[in-house]
């Protein structure tokens, strides 16, 4: 009888786990190589991720101000929001959204989406806080709890990333 390796002893399900571990190690190596060869300065993907988030954040404020500026309940088309296009603030917001999209596409070339997307959700914290601080909007206790959960989630995602960056 032939001796079995540890990963062969428990059937095909265990073998899948072993090959999965090898594949994950290879993927990690490819990610590490891609991250080591990333551009620096303005081309740094982490800077671009921050820029993308900042563009979304500012665009949300501009959209709010622009939509409020031209709100006209008497207009037959006001329910569609089309009258918001009459505001220059809305057009600036659209330009920022396009800039954010371009920056996001660049980020995805270097950072896996499983890392970049959760980190980009910091905007879900910044927008309500900015509206509270700058626009005087109220945040309900339930929404504060939701913001706290997002902060905890971001911390859980960011810690391994910071440790990975330290090794590079």
Protein backbone atom coordinates (compact mmCIF):
# COMPACT_ATOMS: atom_id res chain seq x y z
CA UNK A 1 0.00 0.00 0.00
CA UNK A 2 1.29 3.40 -0.98
CA UNK A 3 1.78 6.01 1.77
CA UNK A 4 -0.50 9.01 1.47
CA UNK A 5 0.53 12.59 1.95
CA UNK A 6 -1.35 14.51 4.66
CA UNK A 7 -3.49 16.36 2.10
CA UNK A 8 -4.45 13.05 0.43
CA UNK A 9 -5.68 11.25 3.56
CA UNK A 10 -9.10 12.87 3.87
CA UNK A 11 -10.47 12.55 0.36
CA UNK A 12 -10.95 14.91 -2.55
CA UNK A 13 -12.43 17.71 -0.47
CA UNK A 14 -9.15 18.09 1.41
CA UNK A 15 -7.17 17.99 -1.86
CA UNK A 16 -9.24 20.90 -3.11
CA UNK A 17 -8.27 22.79 0.02
CA UNK A 18 -4.59 22.03 -0.57
CA UNK A 19 -4.69 23.18 -4.19
CA UNK A 20 -6.69 26.22 -3.09
CA UNK A 21 -3.94 27.09 -0.59
CA UNK A 22 -1.33 26.85 -3.36
CA UNK A 23 -3.44 29.04 -5.64
CA UNK A 24 -3.91 31.62 -2.87
CA UNK A 25 -0.16 31.65 -2.21
CA UNK A 26 0.49 32.22 -5.94
CA UNK A 27 -2.15 34.99 -6.05
CA UNK A 28 -0.57 36.62 -2.99
CA UNK A 29 2.83 36.49 -4.71
CA UNK A 30 1.41 38.10 -7.85
CA UNK A 31 -0.27 40.79 -5.75
CA UNK A 32 2.95 41.45 -3.85
CA UNK A 33 4.88 41.80 -7.13
CA UNK A 34 2.25 44.14 -8.57
CA UNK A 35 2.22 46.23 -5.40
CA UNK A 36 6.03 46.48 -5.36
CA UNK A 37 6.05 47.71 -8.97
CA UNK A 38 3.34 50.30 -8.44
CA UNK A 39 3.97 53.90 -9.44
CA UNK A 40 4.85 56.51 -6.85
CA UNK A 41 3.88 60.15 -6.49
CA UNK A 42 0.61 61.17 -8.10
CA UNK A 43 0.39 57.75 -9.75
CA UNK A 44 0.37 55.96 -6.39
CA UNK A 45 -2.82 53.85 -6.37
CA UNK A 46 -3.46 54.59 -2.68
CA UNK A 47 -3.32 58.32 -3.41
CA UNK A 48 -5.64 57.77 -6.37
CA UNK A 49 -8.06 55.86 -4.12
CA UNK A 50 -8.09 58.81 -1.71
CA UNK A 51 -8.59 61.19 -4.65
CA UNK A 52 -11.50 59.11 -5.92
CA UNK A 53 -13.15 59.19 -2.48
CA UNK A 54 -12.55 62.95 -2.18
CA UNK A 55 -14.12 63.56 -5.61
CA UNK A 56 -17.22 61.57 -4.63
CA UNK A 57 -17.45 63.38 -1.30
CA UNK A 58 -17.25 66.88 -2.80
CA UNK A 59 -19.58 65.92 -5.66
CA UNK A 60 -22.26 64.85 -3.17
CA UNK A 61 -22.11 68.25 -1.46
CA UNK A 62 -22.23 70.06 -4.81
CA UNK A 63 -25.19 67.97 -5.96
CA UNK A 64 -27.06 68.76 -2.75
CA UNK A 65 -26.38 72.50 -2.99
CA UNK A 66 -27.11 72.60 -6.72
CA UNK A 67 -30.37 70.66 -6.44
CA UNK A 68 -31.51 72.84 -3.54
CA UNK A 69 -30.53 76.00 -5.41
CA UNK A 70 -32.83 75.30 -8.38
CA UNK A 71 -35.64 73.42 -6.61
CA UNK A 72 -38.98 74.55 -8.00
CA UNK A 73 -42.01 72.60 -6.81
CA UNK A 74 -44.19 74.44 -9.35
CA UNK A 75 -42.26 73.06 -12.32
CA UNK A 76 -43.95 70.06 -13.96
CA UNK A 77 -40.58 68.29 -14.39
CA UNK A 78 -39.25 68.98 -10.88
CA UNK A 79 -40.04 65.43 -9.72
CA UNK A 80 -37.44 64.10 -12.20
CA UNK A 81 -34.60 66.24 -10.91
CA UNK A 82 -33.86 67.41 -14.46
CA UNK A 83 -34.16 71.02 -13.38
CA UNK A 84 -31.02 70.41 -11.30
CA UNK A 85 -29.06 70.54 -14.55
CA UNK A 86 -29.69 74.28 -14.58
CA UNK A 87 -27.23 74.66 -11.70
CA UNK A 88 -23.53 75.12 -12.37
CA UNK A 89 -22.84 73.30 -9.08
CA UNK A 90 -24.48 70.17 -10.49
CA UNK A 91 -22.24 70.34 -13.56
CA UNK A 92 -19.15 70.68 -11.37
CA UNK A 93 -20.36 67.64 -9.44
CA UNK A 94 -20.73 65.69 -12.69
CA UNK A 95 -17.14 66.57 -13.62
CA UNK A 96 -15.95 65.35 -10.22
CA UNK A 97 -17.87 62.10 -10.66
CA UNK A 98 -16.14 61.54 -14.01
CA UNK A 99 -12.76 62.32 -12.39
CA UNK A 100 -13.56 59.86 -9.61
CA UNK A 101 -14.45 57.19 -12.19
CA UNK A 102 -11.17 57.68 -14.05
CA UNK A 103 -9.23 57.55 -10.80
CA UNK A 104 -11.14 54.41 -9.74
CA UNK A 105 -10.27 52.63 -12.98
CA UNK A 106 -6.61 53.44 -12.32
CA UNK A 107 -6.87 52.11 -8.75
CA UNK A 108 -8.28 48.82 -9.99
CA UNK A 109 -5.18 48.24 -12.10
CA UNK A 110 -3.06 47.95 -8.96
CA UNK A 111 -5.26 47.19 -5.96
CA UNK A 112 -7.59 44.16 -5.88
CA UNK A 113 -11.24 45.15 -5.79
CA UNK A 114 -11.68 43.07 -2.62
CA UNK A 115 -9.42 45.62 -0.92
CA UNK A 116 -10.18 48.83 -2.83
CA UNK A 117 -13.96 48.68 -2.69
CA UNK A 118 -14.34 48.24 1.09
CA UNK A 119 -11.82 51.05 1.66
CA UNK A 120 -13.67 53.33 -0.75
CA UNK A 121 -16.74 53.01 1.45
CA UNK A 122 -15.17 55.51 3.83
CA UNK A 123 -17.33 57.89 1.81
CA UNK A 124 -20.33 56.36 3.62
CA UNK A 125 -18.89 57.86 6.80
CA UNK A 126 -17.64 61.14 5.39
CA UNK A 127 -20.82 62.19 3.57
CA UNK A 128 -23.14 62.01 6.59
CA UNK A 129 -20.52 63.62 8.83
CA UNK A 130 -19.93 66.39 6.28
CA UNK A 131 -23.66 66.99 5.92
CA UNK A 132 -23.96 67.18 9.70
CA UNK A 133 -21.01 69.58 10.05
CA UNK A 134 -21.37 71.77 6.95
CA UNK A 135 -25.05 71.56 6.02
CA UNK A 136 -26.53 71.32 9.51
CA UNK A 137 -28.39 68.09 8.75
CA UNK A 138 -29.36 65.88 11.67
CA UNK A 139 -28.09 62.33 12.12
CA UNK A 140 -30.43 59.99 13.98
CA UNK A 141 -29.08 57.67 16.71
CA UNK A 142 -29.72 54.66 14.46
CA UNK A 143 -27.66 56.26 11.68
CA UNK A 144 -24.83 56.97 14.19
CA UNK A 145 -24.88 53.24 14.97
CA UNK A 146 -24.62 52.46 11.26
CA UNK A 147 -21.69 54.85 10.90
CA UNK A 148 -19.99 53.14 13.86
CA UNK A 149 -20.46 49.75 12.18
CA UNK A 150 -18.90 51.05 8.97
CA UNK A 151 -15.93 52.39 10.98
CA UNK A 152 -15.44 48.96 12.60
CA UNK A 153 -15.68 47.28 9.19
CA UNK A 154 -13.12 49.65 7.69
CA UNK A 155 -10.77 49.00 10.61
CA UNK A 156 -11.08 45.24 10.06
CA UNK A 157 -10.27 45.64 6.37
CA UNK A 158 -7.53 48.24 6.78
CA UNK A 159 -5.45 46.47 9.46
CA UNK A 160 -4.29 43.55 7.26
CA UNK A 161 -3.64 45.97 4.40
CA UNK A 162 -1.44 48.14 6.61
CA UNK A 163 0.49 45.07 7.75
CA UNK A 164 0.94 43.99 4.12
CA UNK A 165 2.19 47.47 3.16
CA UNK A 166 4.73 47.42 6.01
CA UNK A 167 6.29 44.25 4.61
CA UNK A 168 6.80 45.85 1.18
